[in-house]
C-alpha cells in the first residue's frame, strides 16, 4: 500500500512515496519513489524490491537506475580537465 506526501523541502513539486514495510506494516520511504512514472496515488500498489539482509531498505523495482549517457560524458570531461590541470602544474 502506498502513501504519497509532498516534499516540503522541494522546489520542484517532488513527492515522498512511502510503502508498508513487510515485517510490521510501518510506512517507510521508498528509494526512487519520486522517479516513478506515472506518479503513484494514495493506496496504489507498486512493485518493490526488499533487501533480505535489511528489510528497512526498500527500492522501487520499475525505476530506471542506469546512468544516463551524459553522466559518462560529464565524467570524461571532468577527468580530462583535472588531468590537464595536473600536467600544467607539473610541466612548467
PDB file of N, CA and C in Angstrom:
ATOM      1  N   UNK A   1       0.838  -1.174   0.000  1.00  0.00           N
ATOM      2  CA  UNK A   1       0.000   0.000   0.000  1.00  0.00           C
ATOM      3  C   UNK A   1       0.889   1.245   0.000  1.00  0.00           C
ATOM      4  N   UNK A   2       0.545   2.216  -0.791  1.00  0.00           N
ATOM      5  CA  UNK A   2       1.367   3.406  -0.999  1.00  0.00           C
ATOM      6  C   UNK A   2       0.731   4.623  -0.330  1.00  0.00           C
ATOM      7  N   UNK A   3       1.585   5.460   0.286  1.00  0.00           N
ATOM      8  CA  UNK A   3       1.165   6.786   0.726  1.00  0.00           C
ATOM      9  C   UNK A   3       2.058   7.801   0.022  1.00  0.00           C
ATOM     10  N   UNK A   4       1.478   8.910  -0.372  1.00  0.00           N
ATOM     11  CA  UNK A   4       2.204   9.939  -1.115  1.00  0.00           C
ATOM     12  C   UNK A   4       2.061  11.255  -0.374  1.00  0.00           C
ATOM     13  N   UNK A   5       3.197  11.908  -0.097  1.00  0.00           N
ATOM     14  CA  UNK A   5       3.206  13.198   0.590  1.00  0.00           C
ATOM     15  C   UNK A   5       4.026  14.185  -0.224  1.00  0.00           C
ATOM     16  N   UNK A   6       3.682  15.455  -0.149  1.00  0.00           N
ATOM     17  CA  UNK A   6       4.502  16.476  -0.792  1.00  0.00           C
ATOM     18  C   UNK A   6       5.804  16.619  -0.019  1.00  0.00           C
ATOM     19  N   UNK A   7       6.911  16.780  -0.757  1.00  0.00           N
ATOM     20  CA  UNK A   7       8.204  17.011  -0.126  1.00  0.00           C
ATOM     21  C   UNK A   7       8.283  18.489   0.231  1.00  0.00           C
ATOM     22  N   UNK A   8       8.222  18.790   1.517  1.00  0.00           N
ATOM     23  CA  UNK A   8       8.151  20.190   1.945  1.00  0.00           C
ATOM     24  C   UNK A   8       9.426  20.966   1.664  1.00  0.00           C
ATOM     25  N   UNK A   9      10.537  20.304   1.370  1.00  0.00           N
ATOM     26  CA  UNK A   9      11.800  20.979   1.106  1.00  0.00           C
ATOM     27  C   UNK A   9      12.071  21.135  -0.385  1.00  0.00           C
ATOM     28  N   UNK A  10      11.229  20.588  -1.230  1.00  0.00           N
ATOM     29  CA  UNK A  10      11.468  20.599  -2.667  1.00  0.00           C
ATOM     30  C   UNK A  10      10.963  21.881  -3.318  1.00  0.00           C
ATOM     31  N   UNK A  11      11.716  22.340  -4.315  1.00  0.00           N
ATOM     32  CA  UNK A  11      11.305  23.495  -5.105  1.00  0.00           C
ATOM     33  C   UNK A  11      10.545  23.059  -6.356  1.00  0.00           C
ATOM     34  N   UNK A  12      10.528  21.761  -6.654  1.00  0.00           N
ATOM     35  CA  UNK A  12      10.026  21.271  -7.940  1.00  0.00           C
ATOM     36  C   UNK A  12       8.823  20.344  -7.794  1.00  0.00           C
ATOM     37  N   UNK A  13       8.029  20.494  -6.757  1.00  0.00           N
ATOM     38  CA  UNK A  13       6.835  19.674  -6.534  1.00  0.00           C
ATOM     39  C   UNK A  13       7.154  18.181  -6.450  1.00  0.00           C
ATOM     40  N   UNK A  14       8.309  17.845  -5.861  1.00  0.00           N
ATOM     41  CA  UNK A  14       8.649  16.445  -5.641  1.00  0.00           C
ATOM     42  C   UNK A  14       7.756  15.875  -4.549  1.00  0.00           C
ATOM     43  N   UNK A  15       7.658  14.567  -4.536  1.00  0.00           N
ATOM     44  CA  UNK A  15       6.853  13.905  -3.520  1.00  0.00           C
ATOM     45  C   UNK A  15       7.690  12.867  -2.790  1.00  0.00           C
ATOM     46  N   UNK A  16       7.227  12.490  -1.613  1.00  0.00           N
ATOM     47  CA  UNK A  16       7.820  11.405  -0.840  1.00  0.00           C
ATOM     48  C   UNK A  16       6.830  10.252  -0.906  1.00  0.00           C
ATOM     49  N   UNK A  17       7.279   9.134  -1.465  1.00  0.00           N
ATOM     50  CA  UNK A  17       6.423   7.960  -1.583  1.00  0.00           C
ATOM     51  C   UNK A  17       6.829   6.991  -0.480  1.00  0.00           C
ATOM     52  N   UNK A  18       5.851   6.535   0.274  1.00  0.00           N
ATOM     53  CA  UNK A  18       6.112   5.580   1.347  1.00  0.00           C
ATOM     54  C   UNK A  18       5.315   4.310   1.086  1.00  0.00           C
ATOM     55  N   UNK A  19       5.910   3.178   1.472  1.00  0.00           N
ATOM     56  CA  UNK A  19       5.244   1.884   1.355  1.00  0.00           C
ATOM     57  C   UNK A  19       5.260   1.202   2.716  1.00  0.00           C
ATOM     58  N   UNK A  20       4.408   0.217   2.876  1.00  0.00           N
ATOM     59  CA  UNK A  20       4.343  -0.522   4.133  1.00  0.00           C
ATOM     60  C   UNK A  20       5.485  -1.528   4.179  1.00  0.00           C
ATOM     61  N   UNK A  21       6.275  -1.483   5.248  1.00  0.00           N
ATOM     62  CA  UNK A  21       7.367  -2.436   5.434  1.00  0.00           C
ATOM     63  C   UNK A  21       6.758  -3.827   5.643  1.00  0.00           C
ATOM     64  N   UNK A  22       7.293  -4.843   4.932  1.00  0.00           N
ATOM     65  CA  UNK A  22       6.695  -6.176   5.018  1.00  0.00           C
ATOM     66  C   UNK A  22       6.681  -6.766   6.425  1.00  0.00           C
ATOM     67  N   UNK A  23       7.685  -6.461   7.226  1.00  0.00           N
ATOM     68  CA  UNK A  23       7.782  -7.103   8.537  1.00  0.00           C
ATOM     69  C   UNK A  23       6.718  -6.631   9.526  1.00  0.00           C
ATOM     70  N   UNK A  24       6.428  -5.325   9.531  1.00  0.00           N
ATOM     71  CA  UNK A  24       5.486  -4.826  10.540  1.00  0.00           C
ATOM     72  C   UNK A  24       4.429  -3.871   9.993  1.00  0.00           C
ATOM     73  N   UNK A  25       4.463  -3.560   8.700  1.00  0.00           N
ATOM     74  CA  UNK A  25       3.470  -2.679   8.101  1.00  0.00           C
ATOM     75  C   UNK A  25       3.706  -1.207   8.320  1.00  0.00           C
ATOM     76  N   UNK A  26       4.827  -0.827   8.964  1.00  0.00           N
ATOM     77  CA  UNK A  26       5.144   0.581   9.200  1.00  0.00           C
ATOM     78  C   UNK A  26       5.478   1.256   7.875  1.00  0.00           C
ATOM     79  N   UNK A  27       5.012   2.488   7.696  1.00  0.00           N
ATOM     80  CA  UNK A  27       5.293   3.240   6.476  1.00  0.00           C
ATOM     81  C   UNK A  27       6.760   3.652   6.448  1.00  0.00           C
ATOM     82  N   UNK A  28       7.434   3.343   5.339  1.00  0.00           N
ATOM     83  CA  UNK A  28       8.849   3.670   5.187  1.00  0.00           C
ATOM     84  C   UNK A  28       9.062   4.279   3.807  1.00  0.00           C
ATOM     85  N   UNK A  29       9.964   5.275   3.728  1.00  0.00           N
ATOM     86  CA  UNK A  29      10.203   5.972   2.468  1.00  0.00           C
ATOM     87  C   UNK A  29      10.784   5.021   1.423  1.00  0.00           C
ATOM     88  N   UNK A  30      10.279   5.126   0.213  1.00  0.00           N
ATOM     89  CA  UNK A  30      10.686   4.275  -0.890  1.00  0.00           C
ATOM     90  C   UNK A  30      11.801   4.949  -1.677  1.00  0.00           C
ATOM     91  N   UNK A  31      12.980   4.297  -1.770  1.00  0.00           N
ATOM     92  CA  UNK A  31      14.065   4.831  -2.590  1.00  0.00           C
ATOM     93  C   UNK A  31      13.632   4.811  -4.055  1.00  0.00           C
ATOM     94  N   UNK A  32      13.750   5.954  -4.723  1.00  0.00           N
ATOM     95  CA  UNK A  32      13.352   6.060  -6.119  1.00  0.00           C
ATOM     96  C   UNK A  32      11.881   6.362  -6.302  1.00  0.00           C
ATOM     97  N   UNK A  33      11.163   6.588  -5.227  1.00  0.00           N
ATOM     98  CA  UNK A  33       9.723   6.829  -5.319  1.00  0.00           C
ATOM     99  C   UNK A  33       9.357   8.064  -6.112  1.00  0.00           C
ATOM    100  N   UNK A  34      10.190   9.089  -6.039  1.00  0.00           N
ATOM    101  CA  UNK A  34       9.896  10.315  -6.777  1.00  0.00           C
ATOM    102  C   UNK A  34      10.112  10.147  -8.280  1.00  0.00           C
ATOM    103  N   UNK A  35      10.846   9.109  -8.685  1.00  0.00           N
ATOM    104  CA  UNK A  35      11.122   8.878 -10.100  1.00  0.00           C
ATOM    105  C   UNK A  35      10.110   7.953 -10.766  1.00  0.00           C
ATOM    106  N   UNK A  36       9.116   7.495 -10.045  1.00  0.00           N
ATOM    107  CA  UNK A  36       8.098   6.616 -10.628  1.00  0.00           C
ATOM    108  C   UNK A  36       7.237   7.389 -11.615  1.00  0.00           C
ATOM    109  N   UNK A  37       7.037   6.806 -12.785  1.00  0.00           N
ATOM    110  CA  UNK A  37       6.170   7.396 -13.808  1.00  0.00           C
ATOM    111  C   UNK A  37       5.218   6.338 -14.291  1.00  0.00           C
ATOM    112  N   UNK A  38       3.930   6.546 -14.281  1.00  0.00           N
ATOM    113  CA  UNK A  38       3.249   7.709 -13.731  1.00  0.00           C
ATOM    114  C   UNK A  38       3.370   7.733 -12.206  1.00  0.00           C
ATOM    115  N   UNK A  39       3.254   8.913 -11.661  1.00  0.00           N
ATOM    116  CA  UNK A  39       3.389   9.080 -10.211  1.00  0.00           C
ATOM    117  C   UNK A  39       2.257   8.321  -9.503  1.00  0.00           C
ATOM    118  N   UNK A  40       2.621   7.503  -8.507  1.00  0.00           N
ATOM    119  CA  UNK A  40       1.573   6.733  -7.829  1.00  0.00           C
ATOM    120  C   UNK A  40       0.643   7.630  -7.020  1.00  0.00           C
ATOM    121  N   UNK A  41      -0.555   7.118  -6.775  1.00  0.00           N
ATOM    122  CA  UNK A  41      -1.525   7.824  -5.948  1.00  0.00           C
ATOM    123  C   UNK A  41      -1.706   7.066  -4.645  1.00  0.00           C
ATOM    124  N   UNK A  42      -2.275   7.737  -3.702  1.00  0.00           N
ATOM    125  CA  UNK A  42      -2.548   7.152  -2.393  1.00  0.00           C
ATOM    126  C   UNK A  42      -3.313   5.838  -2.560  1.00  0.00           C
ATOM    127  N   UNK A  43      -2.805   4.764  -1.940  1.00  0.00           N
ATOM    128  CA  UNK A  43      -3.486   3.477  -1.970  1.00  0.00           C
ATOM    129  C   UNK A  43      -3.102   2.570  -3.120  1.00  0.00           C
ATOM    130  N   UNK A  44      -2.321   3.065  -4.096  1.00  0.00           N
ATOM    131  CA  UNK A  44      -1.882   2.223  -5.217  1.00  0.00           C
ATOM    132  C   UNK A  44      -0.977   1.106  -4.727  1.00  0.00           C
ATOM    133  N   UNK A  45      -0.819   0.104  -5.550  1.00  0.00           N
ATOM    134  CA  UNK A  45       0.146  -0.962  -5.282  1.00  0.00           C
ATOM    135  C   UNK A  45       1.228  -0.864  -6.345  1.00  0.00           C
ATOM    136  N   UNK A  46       2.495  -0.957  -5.921  1.00  0.00           N
ATOM    137  CA  UNK A  46       3.626  -0.875  -6.855  1.00  0.00           C
ATOM    138  C   UNK A  46       4.598  -2.002  -6.569  1.00  0.00           C
ATOM    139  N   UNK A  47       5.437  -2.314  -7.573  1.00  0.00           N
ATOM    140  CA  UNK A  47       6.453  -3.352  -7.416  1.00  0.00           C
ATOM    141  C   UNK A  47       7.666  -2.780  -6.695  1.00  0.00           C
ATOM    142  N   UNK A  48       8.129  -3.493  -5.680  1.00  0.00           N
ATOM    143  CA  UNK A  48       9.299  -3.068  -4.911  1.00  0.00           C
ATOM    144  C   UNK A  48      10.238  -4.257  -4.725  1.00  0.00           C
ATOM    145  N   UNK A  49      11.475  -3.943  -4.361  1.00  0.00           N
ATOM    146  CA  UNK A  49      12.470  -4.951  -4.011  1.00  0.00           C
ATOM    147  C   UNK A  49      12.900  -4.670  -2.575  1.00  0.00           C
ATOM    148  N   UNK A  50      12.883  -5.702  -1.741  1.00  0.00           N
ATOM    149  CA  UNK A  50      13.252  -5.575  -0.331  1.00  0.00           C
ATOM    150  C   UNK A  50      14.571  -6.296  -0.112  1.00  0.00           C
ATOM    151  N   UNK A  51      15.522  -5.618   0.529  1.00  0.00           N
ATOM    152  CA  UNK A  51      16.810  -6.222   0.843  1.00  0.00           C
ATOM    153  C   UNK A  51      16.600  -7.279   1.935  1.00  0.00           C
ATOM    154  N   UNK A  52      16.932  -8.565   1.658  1.00  0.00           N
ATOM    155  CA  UNK A  52      16.711  -9.594   2.668  1.00  0.00           C
ATOM    156  C   UNK A  52      17.596  -9.425   3.905  1.00  0.00           C
ATOM    157  N   UNK A  53      18.757  -8.797   3.759  1.00  0.00           N
ATOM    158  CA  UNK A  53      19.649  -8.567   4.892  1.00  0.00           C
ATOM    159  C   UNK A  53      19.133  -7.461   5.796  1.00  0.00           C
ATOM    160  N   UNK A  54      18.495  -6.446   5.194  1.00  0.00           N
ATOM    161  CA  UNK A  54      17.974  -5.302   5.947  1.00  0.00           C
ATOM    162  C   UNK A  54      16.616  -4.914   5.374  1.00  0.00           C
ATOM    163  N   UNK A  55      15.529  -5.429   5.924  1.00  0.00           N
ATOM    164  CA  UNK A  55      14.198  -5.156   5.379  1.00  0.00           C
ATOM    165  C   UNK A  55      13.800  -3.678   5.409  1.00  0.00           C
ATOM    166  N   UNK A  56      14.592  -2.830   6.041  1.00  0.00           N
ATOM    167  CA  UNK A  56      14.294  -1.395   6.032  1.00  0.00           C
ATOM    168  C   UNK A  56      14.694  -0.756   4.705  1.00  0.00           C
ATOM    169  N   UNK A  57      15.464  -1.464   3.884  1.00  0.00           N
ATOM    170  CA  UNK A  57      15.870  -0.944   2.574  1.00  0.00           C
ATOM    171  C   UNK A  57      14.906  -1.482   1.529  1.00  0.00           C
ATOM    172  N   UNK A  58      14.094  -0.591   1.007  1.00  0.00           N
ATOM    173  CA  UNK A  58      13.098  -0.940   0.004  1.00  0.00           C
ATOM    174  C   UNK A  58      13.272   0.019  -1.168  1.00  0.00           C
ATOM    175  N   UNK A  59      13.389  -0.529  -2.384  1.00  0.00           N
ATOM    176  CA  UNK A  59      13.553   0.324  -3.561  1.00  0.00           C
ATOM    177  C   UNK A  59      12.463   0.005  -4.583  1.00  0.00           C
ATOM    178  N   UNK A  60      12.171   0.985  -5.410  1.00  0.00           N
ATOM    179  CA  UNK A  60      11.172   0.810  -6.458  1.00  0.00           C
ATOM    180  C   UNK A  60      11.751  -0.091  -7.550  1.00  0.00           C
ATOM    181  N   UNK A  61      11.010  -1.102  -7.953  1.00  0.00           N
ATOM    182  CA  UNK A  61      11.501  -2.070  -8.929  1.00  0.00           C
ATOM    183  C   UNK A  61      11.375  -1.572 -10.362  1.00  0.00           C
ATOM    184  N   UNK A  62      10.498  -0.625 -10.628  1.00  0.00           N
ATOM    185  CA  UNK A  62      10.255  -0.197 -12.008  1.00  0.00           C
ATOM    186  C   UNK A  62      10.982   1.090 -12.388  1.00  0.00           C
ATOM    187  N   UNK A  63      11.819   1.610 -11.513  1.00  0.00           N
ATOM    188  CA  UNK A  63      12.574   2.830 -11.807  1.00  0.00           C
ATOM    189  C   UNK A  63      13.835   2.458 -12.571  1.00  0.00           C
ATOM    190  N   UNK A  64      14.182   3.266 -13.578  1.00  0.00           N
ATOM    191  CA  UNK A  64      15.400   3.049 -14.347  1.00  0.00           C
ATOM    192  C   UNK A  64      16.580   3.591 -13.547  1.00  0.00           C
ATOM    193  N   UNK A  65      17.414   2.695 -13.005  1.00  0.00           N
ATOM    194  CA  UNK A  65      18.537   3.078 -12.158  1.00  0.00           C
ATOM    195  C   UNK A  65      19.830   3.220 -12.946  1.00  0.00           C
ATOM    196  N   UNK A  66      19.789   3.084 -14.264  1.00  0.00           N
ATOM    197  CA  UNK A  66      21.018   3.161 -15.059  1.00  0.00           C
ATOM    198  C   UNK A  66      21.523   4.599 -15.151  1.00  0.00           C
ATOM    199  N   UNK A  67      22.822   4.735 -15.382  1.00  0.00           N
ATOM    200  CA  UNK A  67      23.433   6.052 -15.539  1.00  0.00           C
ATOM    201  C   UNK A  67      23.107   6.588 -16.929  1.00  0.00           C
ATOM    202  N   UNK A  68      22.633   7.836 -17.030  1.00  0.00           N
ATOM    203  CA  UNK A  68      22.328   8.387 -18.360  1.00  0.00           C
ATOM    204  C   UNK A  68      23.614   8.606 -19.160  1.00  0.00           C
ATOM    205  N   UNK A  69      23.482   8.679 -20.481  1.00  0.00           N
ATOM    206  CA  UNK A  69      24.645   8.812 -21.359  1.00  0.00           C
ATOM    207  C   UNK A  69      25.467  10.044 -21.026  1.00  0.00           C
ATOM    208  N   UNK A  70      24.812  11.127 -20.648  1.00  0.00           N
ATOM    209  CA  UNK A  70      25.540  12.365 -20.383  1.00  0.00           C
ATOM    210  C   UNK A  70      26.349  12.274 -19.090  1.00  0.00           C
ATOM    211  N   UNK A  71      26.024  11.341 -18.224  1.00  0.00           N
ATOM    212  CA  UNK A  71      26.805  11.140 -16.998  1.00  0.00           C
ATOM    213  C   UNK A  71      28.211  10.668 -17.318  1.00  0.00           C
ATOM    214  N   UNK A  72      28.319   9.756 -18.283  1.00  0.00           N
ATOM    215  CA  UNK A  72      29.634   9.270 -18.703  1.00  0.00           C
ATOM    216  C   UNK A  72      30.425  10.381 -19.399  1.00  0.00           C
ATOM    217  N   UNK A  73      29.751  11.156 -20.238  1.00  0.00           N
ATOM    218  CA  UNK A  73      30.408  12.267 -20.931  1.00  0.00           C
ATOM    219  C   UNK A  73      30.918  13.306 -19.939  1.00  0.00           C
ATOM    220  N   UNK A  74      30.096  13.650 -18.965  1.00  0.00           N
ATOM    221  CA  UNK A  74      30.497  14.615 -17.946  1.00  0.00           C
ATOM    222  C   UNK A  74      31.691  14.101 -17.144  1.00  0.00           C
ATOM    223  N   UNK A  75      31.677  12.824 -16.795  1.00  0.00           N
ATOM    224  CA  UNK A  75      32.806  12.223 -16.066  1.00  0.00           C
ATOM    225  C   UNK A  75      34.090  12.282 -16.869  1.00  0.00           C
ATOM    226  N   UNK A  76      34.001  11.999 -18.179  1.00  0.00           N
ATOM    227  CA  UNK A  76      35.186  12.052 -19.041  1.00  0.00           C
ATOM    228  C   UNK A  76      35.718  13.478 -19.158  1.00  0.00           C
ATOM    229  N   UNK A  77      34.832  14.450 -19.303  1.00  0.00           N
ATOM    230  CA  UNK A  77      35.258  15.848 -19.419  1.00  0.00           C
ATOM    231  C   UNK A  77      35.935  16.318 -18.141  1.00  0.00           C
ATOM    232  N   UNK A  78      35.375  15.988 -16.999  1.00  0.00           N
ATOM    233  CA  UNK A  78      35.971  16.388 -15.719  1.00  0.00           C
ATOM    234  C   UNK A  78      37.336  15.734 -15.543  1.00  0.00           C
ATOM    235  N   UNK A  79      37.459  14.471 -15.941  1.00  0.00           N
ATOM    236  CA  UNK A  79      38.750  13.769 -15.841  1.00  0.00           C
ATOM    237  C   UNK A  79      39.803  14.436 -16.709  1.00  0.00           C
ATOM    238  N   UNK A  80      39.448  14.800 -17.928  1.00  0.00           N
ATOM    239  CA  UNK A  80      40.402  15.456 -18.837  1.00  0.00           C
ATOM    240  C   UNK A  80      40.824  16.816 -18.278  1.00  0.00           C
ATOM    241  N   UNK A  81      39.883  17.566 -17.729  1.00  0.00           N
ATOM    242  CA  UNK A  81      40.215  18.877 -17.164  1.00  0.00           C
ATOM    243  C   UNK A  81      41.172  18.730 -15.982  1.00  0.00           C
ATOM    244  N   UNK A  82      40.884  17.805 -15.081  1.00  0.00           N
ATOM    245  CA  UNK A  82      41.755  17.596 -13.924  1.00  0.00           C
ATOM    246  C   UNK A  82      43.129  17.113 -14.360  1.00  0.00           C
ATOM    247  N   UNK A  83      43.173  16.218 -15.344  1.00  0.00           N
ATOM    248  CA  UNK A  83      44.454  15.728 -15.862  1.00  0.00           C
ATOM    249  C   UNK A  83      45.249  16.888 -16.490  1.00  0.00           C
ATOM    250  N   UNK A  84      44.558  17.753 -17.228  1.00  0.00           N
ATOM    251  CA  UNK A  84      45.212  18.911 -17.842  1.00  0.00           C
ATOM    252  C   UNK A  84      45.767  19.890 -16.810  1.00  0.00           C
ATOM    253  N   UNK A  85      45.017  20.115 -15.749  1.00  0.00           N
ATOM    254  CA  UNK A  85      45.499  20.987 -14.670  1.00  0.00           C
ATOM    255  C   UNK A  85      46.716  20.370 -14.009  1.00  0.00           C
ATOM    256  N   UNK A  86      46.684  19.064 -13.776  1.00  0.00           N
ATOM    257  CA  UNK A  86      47.839  18.373 -13.184  1.00  0.00           C
ATOM    258  C   UNK A  86      49.069  18.496 -14.049  1.00  0.00           C
ATOM    259  N   UNK A  87      48.895  18.313 -15.359  1.00  0.00           N
ATOM    260  CA  UNK A  87      50.042  18.461 -16.269  1.00  0.00           C
ATOM    261  C   UNK A  87      50.574  19.885 -16.288  1.00  0.00           C
ATOM    262  N   UNK A  88      49.670  20.858 -16.248  1.00  0.00           N
ATOM    263  CA  UNK A  88      50.096  22.260 -16.242  1.00  0.00           C
ATOM    264  C   UNK A  88      50.902  22.598 -14.986  1.00  0.00           C
ATOM    265  N   UNK A  89      50.572  21.960 -13.882  1.00  0.00           N
ATOM    266  CA  UNK A  89      51.304  22.208 -12.646  1.00  0.00           C
ATOM    267  C   UNK A  89      52.656  21.519 -12.674  1.00  0.00           C
ATOM    268  N   UNK A  90      52.703  20.285 -13.186  1.00  0.00           N
ATOM    269  CA  UNK A  90      53.942  19.506 -13.174  1.00  0.00           C
ATOM    270  C   UNK A  90      54.927  19.914 -14.268  1.00  0.00           C
ATOM    271  N   UNK A  91      54.428  20.385 -15.396  1.00  0.00           N
ATOM    272  CA  UNK A  91      55.305  20.753 -16.506  1.00  0.00           C
ATOM    273  C   UNK A  91      55.304  22.251 -16.695  1.00  0.00           C
ATOM    274  N   UNK A  92      56.306  22.933 -16.152  1.00  0.00           N
ATOM    275  CA  UNK A  92      56.324  24.415 -16.252  1.00  0.00           C
ATOM    276  C   UNK A  92      56.570  24.912 -17.640  1.00  0.00           C
TER     277      UNK A  92
END
